[in-house]
Protein backbone atom coordinates (compact mmCIF):
# COMPACT_ATOMS: atom_id res chain seq x y z
CA MET A 1 -4.88 12.37 -8.03
CA SER A 2 -3.45 8.77 -7.51
CA ILE A 3 -2.38 7.66 -4.12
CA ILE A 4 -0.23 4.56 -4.21
CA THR A 5 -0.05 2.72 -0.98
CA PRO A 6 2.55 -0.13 -0.99
CA THR A 7 1.79 -2.79 1.79
CA TRP A 8 3.25 -6.03 3.12
CA ALA A 9 1.57 -7.77 6.01
CA CYS A 10 -0.35 -4.64 6.99
CA ALA A 11 -3.96 -5.99 7.33
CA ASP A 12 -4.09 -4.62 10.85
CA PHE A 13 -3.40 -1.01 9.57
CA ILE A 14 -4.88 -0.82 6.15
CA ALA A 15 -8.49 -0.18 6.97
CA GLU A 16 -7.23 2.99 9.12
CA THR A 17 -5.14 4.19 6.09
CA ILE A 18 -8.10 3.74 3.79
CA LYS A 19 -10.57 5.61 6.11
CA SER A 20 -8.07 8.34 6.54
CA ILE A 21 -8.05 8.95 2.78
CA GLN A 22 -11.64 8.77 2.54
CA CYS A 23 -12.14 11.55 5.00
CA GLN A 24 -10.04 14.07 3.29
CA THR A 25 -11.73 17.17 1.92
CA TYR A 26 -10.24 16.58 -1.56
CA GLN A 27 -12.45 13.85 -3.14
CA ASN A 28 -11.04 13.53 -6.69
CA TRP A 29 -8.49 10.61 -5.92
CA GLU A 30 -7.97 6.91 -6.68
CA LEU A 31 -6.22 4.68 -4.03
CA LEU A 32 -4.01 2.06 -5.58
CA ILE A 33 -3.05 -0.55 -2.99
CA GLN A 34 -0.02 -2.56 -4.06
CA ASP A 35 0.46 -5.65 -1.84
CA ASP A 36 3.94 -7.08 -1.85
CA CYS A 37 3.04 -10.79 -1.62
CA SER A 38 1.51 -10.77 1.85
CA LYS A 39 0.46 -14.02 3.22
CA GLY A 40 -1.94 -12.29 5.64
CA ASN A 41 -5.66 -11.22 5.01
CA THR A 42 -4.95 -7.78 3.57
CA LEU A 43 -7.29 -8.43 0.55
CA GLU A 44 -10.17 -9.53 2.99
CA VAL A 45 -9.87 -6.12 4.92
CA VAL A 46 -9.64 -4.07 1.65
CA LYS A 47 -12.38 -6.00 -0.26
CA PRO A 48 -15.38 -4.19 1.45
CA PHE A 49 -13.90 -0.90 0.81
CA MET A 50 -13.50 -1.65 -2.79
CA GLU A 51 -17.11 -3.01 -3.03
CA THR A 52 -18.43 0.49 -1.73
CA ASP A 53 -15.79 2.91 -3.23
CA GLU A 54 -14.85 2.38 -6.83
CA ARG A 55 -11.95 4.75 -6.34
CA ILE A 56 -10.10 2.04 -4.26
CA LYS A 57 -8.03 -0.71 -6.22
CA TYR A 58 -5.96 -3.62 -5.02
CA GLU A 59 -3.26 -5.67 -6.51
CA CYS A 60 -0.95 -8.33 -5.07
CA ASN A 61 2.49 -9.10 -6.41
CA PRO A 62 3.24 -12.71 -7.01
CA SER A 63 6.56 -12.28 -5.26
CA LEU A 64 8.39 -9.80 -3.05
CA ILE A 65 9.10 -6.89 -5.45
CA PHE A 66 8.81 -3.75 -3.46
CA THR A 67 10.38 -5.03 -0.28
CA LYS A 68 13.62 -6.14 -1.97
CA LEU A 69 13.89 -2.67 -3.88
CA LEU A 70 13.26 -0.76 -0.67
CA GLN A 71 16.01 -2.67 1.16
CA LYS A 72 18.39 -2.20 -1.79
CA ASN A 73 17.61 1.61 -1.85
CA TRP A 74 17.78 1.96 1.91
CA ASN A 75 21.03 0.28 2.14
CA GLY A 76 22.50 2.25 -0.76
CA THR A 77 21.27 5.44 0.93
CA LEU A 78 22.82 4.51 4.19
CA ALA A 79 26.12 3.72 2.47
CA LYS A 80 26.24 7.15 0.84
CA PHE A 81 25.74 8.95 4.32
CA LYS A 82 28.48 6.82 5.88
CA LYS A 83 31.17 8.01 3.44
C-alpha cells in the first residue's frame, strides 16, 4: 500500500506523521512524502527516518505545484456549493 503525504512547511509535524504510520499494525506499506517546495527543514527531519526505514521516500517539487492545485480545487468546490 502506498501512503502519499503532501507537505509544505510541515517540518514541525512530519515526524509525528511518520511515527504514526510506523506504529500501525499493517506493515506492508511505503510512505511517499511529496514536499511542495518548502523552504524549511522538512528534509532534515525526514532524512533520519529514511536512513532507518527503506519504505520512506521523499521528494521536493522545484516549485509550488500541489498548493496551487489545492487552492484551485478548493475554490472550485466552494463555488459549486454556493450556487
